Amino acid sequence: MQDVLTNLAVERLGDPLEEELRKNKAYMESRKQYHDQKERLKERLSNSKDDVQLLLDMDDSVSLYSGRYGEMAYILGFHDGLEIGLKHGREYGQDSILSKDIPKEQAAD
């Protein structure tokens, strides 16, 4: 079940996330600012191909790091939401599809 939930969370990080990000004004502004600053730095370093390559390599590393961080944050939030729903849903008389097969004693743990 854990793999299914993780796969579902990761799936949401693709096109659905991109669509929501494009609608988010603050995200789009920060994205533009980042790309503008990167281009200014590339222009300043343009005298040396080694410096430009170092910048591009650093940019790739930051992108990978940020992407993995965001992915893990999303998955953690997703799992937290499931846990809250399973533990507290019954308090409000609402069973979820995920809790139907879980004995009430186990879901309360």
PDB file of N, CA and C in Angstrom:
ATOM      1  N   MET A   1       0.826  -1.192   0.000  1.00  0.00           N
ATOM      2  CA  MET A   1       0.000   0.000   0.000  1.00  0.00           C
ATOM      3  C   MET A   1       0.872   1.259   0.000  1.00  0.00           C
ATOM      4  N   GLN A   2       2.006   1.195   0.730  1.00  0.00           N
ATOM      5  CA  GLN A   2       2.909   2.349   0.795  1.00  0.00           C
ATOM      6  C   GLN A   2       3.405   2.735  -0.596  1.00  0.00           C
ATOM      7  N   ASP A   3       3.779   1.752  -1.410  1.00  0.00           N
ATOM      8  CA  ASP A   3       4.259   2.041  -2.765  1.00  0.00           C
ATOM      9  C   ASP A   3       3.170   2.676  -3.614  1.00  0.00           C
ATOM     10  N   VAL A   4       1.945   2.215  -3.470  1.00  0.00           N
ATOM     11  CA  VAL A   4       0.832   2.780  -4.235  1.00  0.00           C
ATOM     12  C   VAL A   4       0.623   4.242  -3.859  1.00  0.00           C
ATOM     13  N   LEU A   5       0.669   4.532  -2.556  1.00  0.00           N
ATOM     14  CA  LEU A   5       0.476   5.911  -2.097  1.00  0.00           C
ATOM     15  C   LEU A   5       1.622   6.810  -2.559  1.00  0.00           C
ATOM     16  N   THR A   6       2.834   6.305  -2.477  1.00  0.00           N
ATOM     17  CA  THR A   6       3.981   7.088  -2.939  1.00  0.00           C
ATOM     18  C   THR A   6       3.886   7.341  -4.436  1.00  0.00           C
ATOM     19  N   ASN A   7       3.517   6.332  -5.210  1.00  0.00           N
ATOM     20  CA  ASN A   7       3.368   6.509  -6.657  1.00  0.00           C
ATOM     21  C   ASN A   7       2.276   7.529  -6.973  1.00  0.00           C
ATOM     22  N   LEU A   8       1.190   7.484  -6.222  1.00  0.00           N
ATOM     23  CA  LEU A   8       0.113   8.449  -6.429  1.00  0.00           C
ATOM     24  C   LEU A   8       0.603   9.866  -6.140  1.00  0.00           C
ATOM     25  N   ALA A   9       1.324  10.030  -5.063  1.00  0.00           N
ATOM     26  CA  ALA A   9       1.849  11.348  -4.710  1.00  0.00           C
ATOM     27  C   ALA A   9       2.821  11.850  -5.772  1.00  0.00           C
ATOM     28  N   VAL A  10       3.717  10.991  -6.221  1.00  0.00           N
ATOM     29  CA  VAL A  10       4.689  11.382  -7.243  1.00  0.00           C
ATOM     30  C   VAL A  10       3.981  11.741  -8.549  1.00  0.00           C
ATOM     31  N   GLU A  11       2.940  11.002  -8.895  1.00  0.00           N
ATOM     32  CA  GLU A  11       2.169  11.284 -10.111  1.00  0.00           C
ATOM     33  C   GLU A  11       1.604  12.702 -10.090  1.00  0.00           C
ATOM     34  N   ARG A  12       1.184  13.159  -8.924  1.00  0.00           N
ATOM     35  CA  ARG A  12       0.604  14.503  -8.791  1.00  0.00           C
ATOM     36  C   ARG A  12       1.653  15.590  -8.958  1.00  0.00           C
ATOM     37  N   LEU A  13       2.925  15.235  -8.882  1.00  0.00           N
ATOM     38  CA  LEU A  13       3.982  16.231  -9.017  1.00  0.00           C
ATOM     39  C   LEU A  13       4.253  16.599 -10.469  1.00  0.00           C
ATOM     40  N   GLY A  14       3.687  15.882 -11.410  1.00  0.00           N
ATOM     41  CA  GLY A  14       3.922  16.161 -12.824  1.00  0.00           C
ATOM     42  C   GLY A  14       3.025  17.275 -13.337  1.00  0.00           C
ATOM     43  N   ASP A  15       2.217  16.959 -14.328  1.00  0.00           N
ATOM     44  CA  ASP A  15       1.360  17.948 -14.983  1.00  0.00           C
ATOM     45  C   ASP A  15       0.395  18.659 -14.036  1.00  0.00           C
ATOM     46  N   PRO A  16      -0.256  17.959 -13.094  1.00  0.00           N
ATOM     47  CA  PRO A  16      -1.167  18.682 -12.200  1.00  0.00           C
ATOM     48  C   PRO A  16      -0.466  19.777 -11.401  1.00  0.00           C
ATOM     49  N   LEU A  17       0.742  19.485 -10.926  1.00  0.00           N
ATOM     50  CA  LEU A  17       1.492  20.495 -10.182  1.00  0.00           C
ATOM     51  C   LEU A  17       1.881  21.650 -11.091  1.00  0.00           C
ATOM     52  N   GLU A  18       2.386  21.344 -12.273  1.00  0.00           N
ATOM     53  CA  GLU A  18       2.781  22.391 -13.214  1.00  0.00           C
ATOM     54  C   GLU A  18       1.612  23.322 -13.542  1.00  0.00           C
ATOM     55  N   GLU A  19       0.443  22.744 -13.715  1.00  0.00           N
ATOM     56  CA  GLU A  19      -0.746  23.538 -14.015  1.00  0.00           C
ATOM     57  C   GLU A  19      -1.060  24.502 -12.872  1.00  0.00           C
ATOM     58  N   GLU A  20      -0.973  24.015 -11.644  1.00  0.00           N
ATOM     59  CA  GLU A  20      -1.240  24.867 -10.485  1.00  0.00           C
ATOM     60  C   GLU A  20      -0.164  25.937 -10.325  1.00  0.00           C
ATOM     61  N   LEU A  21       1.088  25.580 -10.579  1.00  0.00           N
ATOM     62  CA  LEU A  21       2.170  26.553 -10.462  1.00  0.00           C
ATOM     63  C   LEU A  21       2.006  27.690 -11.468  1.00  0.00           C
ATOM     64  N   ARG A  22       1.583  27.372 -12.675  1.00  0.00           N
ATOM     65  CA  ARG A  22       1.384  28.418 -13.690  1.00  0.00           C
ATOM     66  C   ARG A  22       0.303  29.414 -13.268  1.00  0.00           C
ATOM     67  N   LYS A  23      -0.634  28.980 -12.458  1.00  0.00           N
ATOM     68  CA  LYS A  23      -1.710  29.853 -11.978  1.00  0.00           C
ATOM     69  C   LYS A  23      -1.280  30.706 -10.770  1.00  0.00           C
ATOM     70  N   ASN A  24      -0.175  30.326 -10.141  1.00  0.00           N
ATOM     71  CA  ASN A  24       0.258  30.977  -8.911  1.00  0.00           C
ATOM     72  C   ASN A  24       1.166  32.167  -9.227  1.00  0.00           C
ATOM     73  N   LYS A  25       0.644  33.365  -8.999  1.00  0.00           N
ATOM     74  CA  LYS A  25       1.366  34.587  -9.363  1.00  0.00           C
ATOM     75  C   LYS A  25       2.702  34.715  -8.618  1.00  0.00           C
ATOM     76  N   ALA A  26       2.716  34.433  -7.325  1.00  0.00           N
ATOM     77  CA  ALA A  26       3.950  34.553  -6.538  1.00  0.00           C
ATOM     78  C   ALA A  26       5.019  33.583  -7.053  1.00  0.00           C
ATOM     79  N   TYR A  27       4.603  32.363  -7.380  1.00  0.00           N
ATOM     80  CA  TYR A  27       5.560  31.395  -7.915  1.00  0.00           C
ATOM     81  C   TYR A  27       6.119  31.877  -9.248  1.00  0.00           C
ATOM     82  N   MET A  28       5.237  32.335 -10.125  1.00  0.00           N
ATOM     83  CA  MET A  28       5.680  32.772 -11.446  1.00  0.00           C
ATOM     84  C   MET A  28       6.616  33.979 -11.349  1.00  0.00           C
ATOM     85  N   GLU A  29       6.354  34.885 -10.415  1.00  0.00           N
ATOM     86  CA  GLU A  29       7.240  36.037 -10.221  1.00  0.00           C
ATOM     87  C   GLU A  29       8.613  35.595  -9.710  1.00  0.00           C
ATOM     88  N   SER A  30       8.624  34.667  -8.748  1.00  0.00           N
ATOM     89  CA  SER A  30       9.911  34.198  -8.226  1.00  0.00           C
ATOM     90  C   SER A  30      10.670  33.407  -9.290  1.00  0.00           C
ATOM     91  N   ARG A  31       9.957  32.672 -10.114  1.00  0.00           N
ATOM     92  CA  ARG A  31      10.587  31.930 -11.212  1.00  0.00           C
ATOM     93  C   ARG A  31      11.245  32.890 -12.205  1.00  0.00           C
ATOM     94  N   LYS A  32      10.517  33.954 -12.553  1.00  0.00           N
ATOM     95  CA  LYS A  32      11.057  34.952 -13.488  1.00  0.00           C
ATOM     96  C   LYS A  32      12.279  35.635 -12.881  1.00  0.00           C
ATOM     97  N   GLN A  33      12.204  35.998 -11.609  1.00  0.00           N
ATOM     98  CA  GLN A  33      13.332  36.649 -10.947  1.00  0.00           C
ATOM     99  C   GLN A  33      14.564  35.738 -10.958  1.00  0.00           C
ATOM    100  N   TYR A  34      14.360  34.467 -10.666  1.00  0.00           N
ATOM    101  CA  TYR A  34      15.460  33.519 -10.672  1.00  0.00           C
ATOM    102  C   TYR A  34      16.114  33.440 -12.056  1.00  0.00           C
ATOM    103  N   HIS A  35      15.290  33.286 -13.090  1.00  0.00           N
ATOM    104  CA  HIS A  35      15.835  33.168 -14.443  1.00  0.00           C
ATOM    105  C   HIS A  35      16.503  34.457 -14.900  1.00  0.00           C
ATOM    106  N   ASP A  36      15.951  35.595 -14.545  1.00  0.00           N
ATOM    107  CA  ASP A  36      16.578  36.878 -14.899  1.00  0.00           C
ATOM    108  C   ASP A  36      17.950  37.017 -14.245  1.00  0.00           C
ATOM    109  N   GLN A  37      18.040  36.670 -12.961  1.00  0.00           N
ATOM    110  CA  GLN A  37      19.323  36.771 -12.269  1.00  0.00           C
ATOM    111  C   GLN A  37      20.336  35.785 -12.825  1.00  0.00           C
ATOM    112  N   LYS A  38      19.881  34.609 -13.185  1.00  0.00           N
ATOM    113  CA  LYS A  38      20.787  33.619 -13.775  1.00  0.00           C
ATOM    114  C   LYS A  38      21.344  34.132 -15.108  1.00  0.00           C
ATOM    115  N   GLU A  39      20.487  34.728 -15.919  1.00  0.00           N
ATOM    116  CA  GLU A  39      20.944  35.263 -17.204  1.00  0.00           C
ATOM    117  C   GLU A  39      21.936  36.415 -17.012  1.00  0.00           C
ATOM    118  N   ARG A  40      21.685  37.283 -16.027  1.00  0.00           N
ATOM    119  CA  ARG A  40      22.628  38.386 -15.743  1.00  0.00           C
ATOM    120  C   ARG A  40      23.984  37.828 -15.322  1.00  0.00           C
ATOM    121  N   LEU A  41      23.969  36.804 -14.504  1.00  0.00           N
ATOM    122  CA  LEU A  41      25.217  36.195 -14.065  1.00  0.00           C
ATOM    123  C   LEU A  41      25.941  35.524 -15.236  1.00  0.00           C
ATOM    124  N   LYS A  42      25.201  34.868 -16.099  1.00  0.00           N
ATOM    125  CA  LYS A  42      25.818  34.252 -17.287  1.00  0.00           C
ATOM    126  C   LYS A  42      26.483  35.310 -18.153  1.00  0.00           C
ATOM    127  N   GLU A  43      25.850  36.463 -18.319  1.00  0.00           N
ATOM    128  CA  GLU A  43      26.438  37.537 -19.124  1.00  0.00           C
ATOM    129  C   GLU A  43      27.732  38.039 -18.508  1.00  0.00           C
ATOM    130  N   ARG A  44      27.764  38.177 -17.189  1.00  0.00           N
ATOM    131  CA  ARG A  44      28.978  38.646 -16.519  1.00  0.00           C
ATOM    132  C   ARG A  44      30.111  37.635 -16.639  1.00  0.00           C
ATOM    133  N   LEU A  45      29.756  36.363 -16.677  1.00  0.00           N
ATOM    134  CA  LEU A  45      30.772  35.317 -16.739  1.00  0.00           C
ATOM    135  C   LEU A  45      31.099  34.901 -18.167  1.00  0.00           C
ATOM    136  N   SER A  46      30.518  35.562 -19.128  1.00  0.00           N
ATOM    137  CA  SER A  46      30.633  35.113 -20.515  1.00  0.00           C
ATOM    138  C   SER A  46      32.054  35.179 -21.073  1.00  0.00           C
ATOM    139  N   ASN A  47      32.951  35.817 -20.371  1.00  0.00           N
ATOM    140  CA  ASN A  47      34.344  35.872 -20.843  1.00  0.00           C
ATOM    141  C   ASN A  47      35.046  34.534 -20.676  1.00  0.00           C
ATOM    142  N   SER A  48      34.515  33.702 -19.830  1.00  0.00           N
ATOM    143  CA  SER A  48      35.154  32.415 -19.570  1.00  0.00           C
ATOM    144  C   SER A  48      34.133  31.289 -19.714  1.00  0.00           C
ATOM    145  N   LYS A  49      34.386  30.405 -20.664  1.00  0.00           N
ATOM    146  CA  LYS A  49      33.480  29.265 -20.852  1.00  0.00           C
ATOM    147  C   LYS A  49      33.465  28.360 -19.623  1.00  0.00           C
ATOM    148  N   ASP A  50      34.588  28.258 -18.934  1.00  0.00           N
ATOM    149  CA  ASP A  50      34.646  27.431 -17.730  1.00  0.00           C
ATOM    150  C   ASP A  50      33.723  27.987 -16.650  1.00  0.00           C
ATOM    151  N   ASP A  51      33.709  29.327 -16.506  1.00  0.00           N
ATOM    152  CA  ASP A  51      32.841  29.942 -15.507  1.00  0.00           C
ATOM    153  C   ASP A  51      31.372  29.736 -15.854  1.00  0.00           C
ATOM    154  N   VAL A  52      31.043  29.878 -17.120  1.00  0.00           N
ATOM    155  CA  VAL A  52      29.649  29.682 -17.548  1.00  0.00           C
ATOM    156  C   VAL A  52      29.245  28.232 -17.306  1.00  0.00           C
ATOM    157  N   GLN A  53      30.120  27.293 -17.628  1.00  0.00           N
ATOM    158  CA  GLN A  53      29.805  25.880 -17.403  1.00  0.00           C
ATOM    159  C   GLN A  53      29.629  25.588 -15.915  1.00  0.00           C
ATOM    160  N   LEU A  54      30.463  26.201 -15.092  1.00  0.00           N
ATOM    161  CA  LEU A  54      30.331  26.038 -13.647  1.00  0.00           C
ATOM    162  C   LEU A  54      28.962  26.542 -13.180  1.00  0.00           C
ATOM    163  N   LEU A  55      28.545  27.676 -13.711  1.00  0.00           N
ATOM    164  CA  LEU A  55      27.229  28.226 -13.375  1.00  0.00           C
ATOM    165  C   LEU A  55      26.114  27.266 -13.806  1.00  0.00           C
ATOM    166  N   LEU A  56      26.210  26.744 -15.019  1.00  0.00           N
ATOM    167  CA  LEU A  56      25.185  25.826 -15.516  1.00  0.00           C
ATOM    168  C   LEU A  56      25.146  24.532 -14.708  1.00  0.00           C
ATOM    169  N   ASP A  57      26.325  24.027 -14.324  1.00  0.00           N
ATOM    170  CA  ASP A  57      26.384  22.832 -13.489  1.00  0.00           C
ATOM    171  C   ASP A  57      25.764  23.095 -12.113  1.00  0.00           C
ATOM    172  N   MET A  58      26.071  24.273 -11.565  1.00  0.00           N
ATOM    173  CA  MET A  58      25.498  24.640 -10.266  1.00  0.00           C
ATOM    174  C   MET A  58      23.986  24.766 -10.375  1.00  0.00           C
ATOM    175  N   ASP A  59      23.510  25.355 -11.445  1.00  0.00           N
ATOM    176  CA  ASP A  59      22.074  25.512 -11.665  1.00  0.00           C
ATOM    177  C   ASP A  59      21.397  24.146 -11.744  1.00  0.00           C
ATOM    178  N   ASP A  60      22.006  23.207 -12.441  1.00  0.00           N
ATOM    179  CA  ASP A  60      21.452  21.849 -12.520  1.00  0.00           C
ATOM    180  C   ASP A  60      21.387  21.199 -11.142  1.00  0.00           C
ATOM    181  N   SER A  61      22.435  21.386 -10.353  1.00  0.00           N
ATOM    182  CA  SER A  61      22.472  20.802  -9.007  1.00  0.00           C
ATOM    183  C   SER A  61      21.403  21.409  -8.108  1.00  0.00           C
ATOM    184  N   VAL A  62      21.243  22.727  -8.172  1.00  0.00           N
ATOM    185  CA  VAL A  62      20.221  23.392  -7.359  1.00  0.00           C
ATOM    186  C   VAL A  62      18.826  22.938  -7.793  1.00  0.00           C
ATOM    187  N   SER A  63      18.617  22.817  -9.084  1.00  0.00           N
ATOM    188  CA  SER A  63      17.315  22.358  -9.582  1.00  0.00           C
ATOM    189  C   SER A  63      16.998  20.950  -9.098  1.00  0.00           C
ATOM    190  N   LEU A  64      17.967  20.064  -9.169  1.00  0.00           N
ATOM    191  CA  LEU A  64      17.772  18.698  -8.715  1.00  0.00           C
ATOM    192  C   LEU A  64      17.489  18.664  -7.216  1.00  0.00           C
ATOM    193  N   TYR A  65      18.286  19.405  -6.454  1.00  0.00           N
ATOM    194  CA  TYR A  65      18.109  19.462  -5.003  1.00  0.00           C
ATOM    195  C   TYR A  65      16.734  20.030  -4.653  1.00  0.00           C
ATOM    196  N   SER A  66      16.369  21.135  -5.248  1.00  0.00           N
ATOM    197  CA  SER A  66      15.077  21.766  -4.963  1.00  0.00           C
ATOM    198  C   SER A  66      13.915  20.858  -5.366  1.00  0.00           C
ATOM    199  N   GLY A  67      14.063  20.210  -6.501  1.00  0.00           N
ATOM    200  CA  GLY A  67      13.025  19.300  -6.960  1.00  0.00           C
ATOM    201  C   GLY A  67      12.825  18.140  -6.007  1.00  0.00           C
ATOM    202  N   ARG A  68      13.907  17.553  -5.554  1.00  0.00           N
ATOM    203  CA  ARG A  68      13.807  16.432  -4.609  1.00  0.00           C
ATOM    204  C   ARG A  68      13.219  16.897  -3.280  1.00  0.00           C
ATOM    205  N   TYR A  69      13.612  18.074  -2.841  1.00  0.00           N
ATOM    206  CA  TYR A  69      13.080  18.631  -1.599  1.00  0.00           C
ATOM    207  C   TYR A  69      11.565  18.825  -1.723  1.00  0.00           C
ATOM    208  N   GLY A  70      11.136  19.440  -2.807  1.00  0.00           N
ATOM    209  CA  GLY A  70       9.713  19.661  -3.027  1.00  0.00           C
ATOM    210  C   GLY A  70       8.941  18.366  -3.133  1.00  0.00           C
ATOM    211  N   GLU A  71       9.516  17.393  -3.802  1.00  0.00           N
ATOM    212  CA  GLU A  71       8.877  16.084  -3.946  1.00  0.00           C
ATOM    213  C   GLU A  71       8.666  15.439  -2.578  1.00  0.00           C
ATOM    214  N   MET A  72       9.692  15.465  -1.748  1.00  0.00           N
ATOM    215  CA  MET A  72       9.577  14.855  -0.425  1.00  0.00           C
ATOM    216  C   MET A  72       8.596  15.630   0.459  1.00  0.00           C
ATOM    217  N   ALA A  73       8.580  16.947   0.348  1.00  0.00           N
ATOM    218  CA  ALA A  73       7.631  17.750   1.119  1.00  0.00           C
ATOM    219  C   ALA A  73       6.196  17.410   0.719  1.00  0.00           C
ATOM    220  N   TYR A  74       5.976  17.265  -0.566  1.00  0.00           N
ATOM    221  CA  TYR A  74       4.641  16.916  -1.055  1.00  0.00           C
ATOM    222  C   TYR A  74       4.220  15.537  -0.550  1.00  0.00           C
ATOM    223  N   ILE A  75       5.111  14.570  -0.672  1.00  0.00           N
ATOM    224  CA  ILE A  75       4.798  13.209  -0.237  1.00  0.00           C
ATOM    225  C   ILE A  75       4.520  13.191   1.269  1.00  0.00           C
ATOM    226  N   LEU A  76       5.324  13.909   2.048  1.00  0.00           N
ATOM    227  CA  LEU A  76       5.103  13.968   3.489  1.00  0.00           C
ATOM    228  C   LEU A  76       3.737  14.583   3.798  1.00  0.00           C
ATOM    229  N   GLY A  77       3.387  15.670   3.144  1.00  0.00           N
ATOM    230  CA  GLY A  77       2.085  16.291   3.354  1.00  0.00           C
ATOM    231  C   GLY A  77       0.950  15.378   2.944  1.00  0.00           C
ATOM    232  N   PHE A  78       1.133  14.678   1.864  1.00  0.00           N
ATOM    233  CA  PHE A  78       0.132  13.731   1.380  1.00  0.00           C
ATOM    234  C   PHE A  78      -0.104  12.647   2.422  1.00  0.00           C
ATOM    235  N   HIS A  79       0.977  12.086   2.927  1.00  0.00           N
ATOM    236  CA  HIS A  79       0.864  11.032   3.929  1.00  0.00           C
ATOM    237  C   HIS A  79       0.288  11.575   5.237  1.00  0.00           C
ATOM    238  N   ASP A  80       0.658  12.786   5.609  1.00  0.00           N
ATOM    239  CA  ASP A  80       0.081  13.397   6.808  1.00  0.00           C
ATOM    240  C   ASP A  80      -1.429  13.540   6.651  1.00  0.00           C
ATOM    241  N   GLY A  81      -1.871  13.972   5.478  1.00  0.00           N
ATOM    242  CA  GLY A  81      -3.303  14.111   5.224  1.00  0.00           C
ATOM    243  C   GLY A  81      -4.023  12.776   5.324  1.00  0.00           C
ATOM    244  N   LEU A  82      -3.418  11.739   4.790  1.00  0.00           N
ATOM    245  CA  LEU A  82      -4.021  10.407   4.904  1.00  0.00           C
ATOM    246  C   LEU A  82      -4.106   9.959   6.356  1.00  0.00           C
ATOM    247  N   GLU A  83      -3.037  10.173   7.078  1.00  0.00           N
ATOM    248  CA  GLU A  83      -3.016   9.761   8.486  1.00  0.00           C
ATOM    249  C   GLU A  83      -4.084  10.515   9.287  1.00  0.00           C
ATOM    250  N   ILE A  84      -4.196  11.790   9.073  1.00  0.00           N
ATOM    251  CA  ILE A  84      -5.211  12.582   9.770  1.00  0.00           C
ATOM    252  C   ILE A  84      -6.606  12.085   9.404  1.00  0.00           C
ATOM    253  N   GLY A  85      -6.809  11.838   8.110  1.00  0.00           N
ATOM    254  CA  GLY A  85      -8.108  11.352   7.669  1.00  0.00           C
ATOM    255  C   GLY A  85      -8.464  10.010   8.270  1.00  0.00           C
ATOM    256  N   LEU A  86      -7.487   9.111   8.332  1.00  0.00           N
ATOM    257  CA  LEU A  86      -7.738   7.787   8.896  1.00  0.00           C
ATOM    258  C   LEU A  86      -7.984   7.853  10.395  1.00  0.00           C
ATOM    259  N   LYS A  87      -7.231   8.690  11.094  1.00  0.00           N
ATOM    260  CA  LYS A  87      -7.357   8.757  12.546  1.00  0.00           C
ATOM    261  C   LYS A  87      -8.575   9.547  13.000  1.00  0.00           C
ATOM    262  N   HIS A  88      -8.902  10.606  12.275  1.00  0.00           N
ATOM    263  CA  HIS A  88      -9.940  11.509  12.753  1.00  0.00           C
ATOM    264  C   HIS A  88     -11.237  11.448  11.955  1.00  0.00           C
ATOM    265  N   GLY A  89     -11.219  10.803  10.819  1.00  0.00           N
ATOM    266  CA  GLY A  89     -12.425  10.733   9.995  1.00  0.00           C
ATOM    267  C   GLY A  89     -13.580  10.070  10.712  1.00  0.00           C
ATOM    268  N   ARG A  90     -13.287   9.010  11.442  1.00  0.00           N
ATOM    269  CA  ARG A  90     -14.341   8.302  12.151  1.00  0.00           C
ATOM    270  C   ARG A  90     -14.939   9.142  13.272  1.00  0.00           C
ATOM    271  N   GLU A  91     -14.157  10.067  13.832  1.00  0.00           N
ATOM    272  CA  GLU A  91     -14.675  10.942  14.880  1.00  0.00           C
ATOM    273  C   GLU A  91     -15.863  11.757  14.371  1.00  0.00           C
ATOM    274  N   TYR A  92     -15.841  12.035  13.088  1.00  0.00           N
ATOM    275  CA  TYR A  92     -16.895  12.843  12.483  1.00  0.00           C
ATOM    276  C   TYR A  92     -17.876  11.987  11.691  1.00  0.00           C
ATOM    277  N   GLY A  93     -17.789  10.668  11.913  1.00  0.00           N
ATOM    278  CA  GLY A  93     -18.705   9.762  11.241  1.00  0.00           C
ATOM    279  C   GLY A  93     -18.433   9.582   9.770  1.00  0.00           C
ATOM    280  N   GLN A  94     -17.199   9.849   9.355  1.00  0.00           N
ATOM    281  CA  GLN A  94     -16.862   9.747   7.935  1.00  0.00           C
ATOM    282  C   GLN A  94     -15.753   8.724   7.746  1.00  0.00           C
ATOM    283  N   ASP A  95     -16.105   7.574   7.236  1.00  0.00           N
ATOM    284  CA  ASP A  95     -15.097   6.588   6.877  1.00  0.00           C
ATOM    285  C   ASP A  95     -14.585   6.916   5.487  1.00  0.00           C
ATOM    286  N   SER A  96     -13.300   6.759   5.296  1.00  0.00           N
ATOM    287  CA  SER A  96     -12.752   6.938   3.956  1.00  0.00           C
ATOM    288  C   SER A  96     -12.651   5.580   3.285  1.00  0.00           C
ATOM    289  N   ILE A  97     -12.458   5.581   2.017  1.00  0.00           N
ATOM    290  CA  ILE A  97     -12.260   4.340   1.270  1.00  0.00           C
ATOM    291  C   ILE A  97     -11.064   3.594   1.838  1.00  0.00           C
ATOM    292  N   LEU A  98     -10.037   4.343   2.245  1.00  0.00           N
ATOM    293  CA  LEU A  98      -8.820   3.713   2.750  1.00  0.00           C
ATOM    294  C   LEU A  98      -9.017   3.067   4.111  1.00  0.00           C
ATOM    295  N   SER A  99      -9.984   3.543   4.890  1.00  0.00           N
ATOM    296  CA  SER A  99     -10.140   3.007   6.245  1.00  0.00           C
ATOM    297  C   SER A  99     -11.166   1.893   6.327  1.00  0.00           C
ATOM    298  N   LYS A 100     -11.847   1.569   5.274  1.00  0.00           N
ATOM    299  CA  LYS A 100     -12.911   0.570   5.308  1.00  0.00           C
ATOM    300  C   LYS A 100     -12.412  -0.805   5.757  1.00  0.00           C
ATOM    301  N   ASP A 101     -11.193  -1.174   5.364  1.00  0.00           N
ATOM    302  CA  ASP A 101     -10.667  -2.498   5.693  1.00  0.00           C
ATOM    303  C   ASP A 101      -9.821  -2.498   6.958  1.00  0.00           C
ATOM    304  N   ILE A 102      -9.708  -1.366   7.630  1.00  0.00           N
ATOM    305  CA  ILE A 102      -8.870  -1.270   8.820  1.00  0.00           C
ATOM    306  C   ILE A 102      -9.775  -1.348  10.050  1.00  0.00           C
ATOM    307  N   PRO A 103      -9.507  -2.303  10.951  1.00  0.00           N
ATOM    308  CA  PRO A 103     -10.317  -2.370  12.173  1.00  0.00           C
ATOM    309  C   PRO A 103     -10.236  -1.052  12.936  1.00  0.00           C
ATOM    310  N   LYS A 104     -11.318  -0.662  13.600  1.00  0.00           N
ATOM    311  CA  LYS A 104     -11.379   0.631  14.299  1.00  0.00           C
ATOM    312  C   LYS A 104     -10.266   0.758  15.328  1.00  0.00           C
ATOM    313  N   GLU A 105      -9.891  -0.324  16.003  1.00  0.00           N
ATOM    314  CA  GLU A 105      -8.834  -0.251  17.003  1.00  0.00           C
ATOM    315  C   GLU A 105      -7.495   0.117  16.354  1.00  0.00           C
ATOM    316  N   GLN A 106      -7.207  -0.449  15.176  1.00  0.00           N
ATOM    317  CA  GLN A 106      -5.945  -0.187  14.484  1.00  0.00           C
ATOM    318  C   GLN A 106      -5.922   1.232  13.927  1.00  0.00           C
ATOM    319  N   ALA A 107      -7.025   1.717  13.412  1.00  0.00           N
ATOM    320  CA  ALA A 107      -7.076   3.069  12.845  1.00  0.00           C
ATOM    321  C   ALA A 107      -6.893   4.115  13.920  1.00  0.00           C
ATOM    322  N   ALA A 108      -7.247   3.804  15.169  1.00  0.00           N
ATOM    323  CA  ALA A 108      -7.123   4.762  16.267  1.00  0.00           C
ATOM    324  C   ALA A 108      -5.694   4.874  16.760  1.00  0.00           C
ATOM    325  N   ASP A 109      -4.836   3.914  16.415  1.00  0.00           N
ATOM    326  CA  ASP A 109      -3.430   3.943  16.874  1.00  0.00           C
ATOM    327  C   ASP A 109      -2.677   5.111  16.315  1.00  0.00           C
TER     328      ASP A 109
END
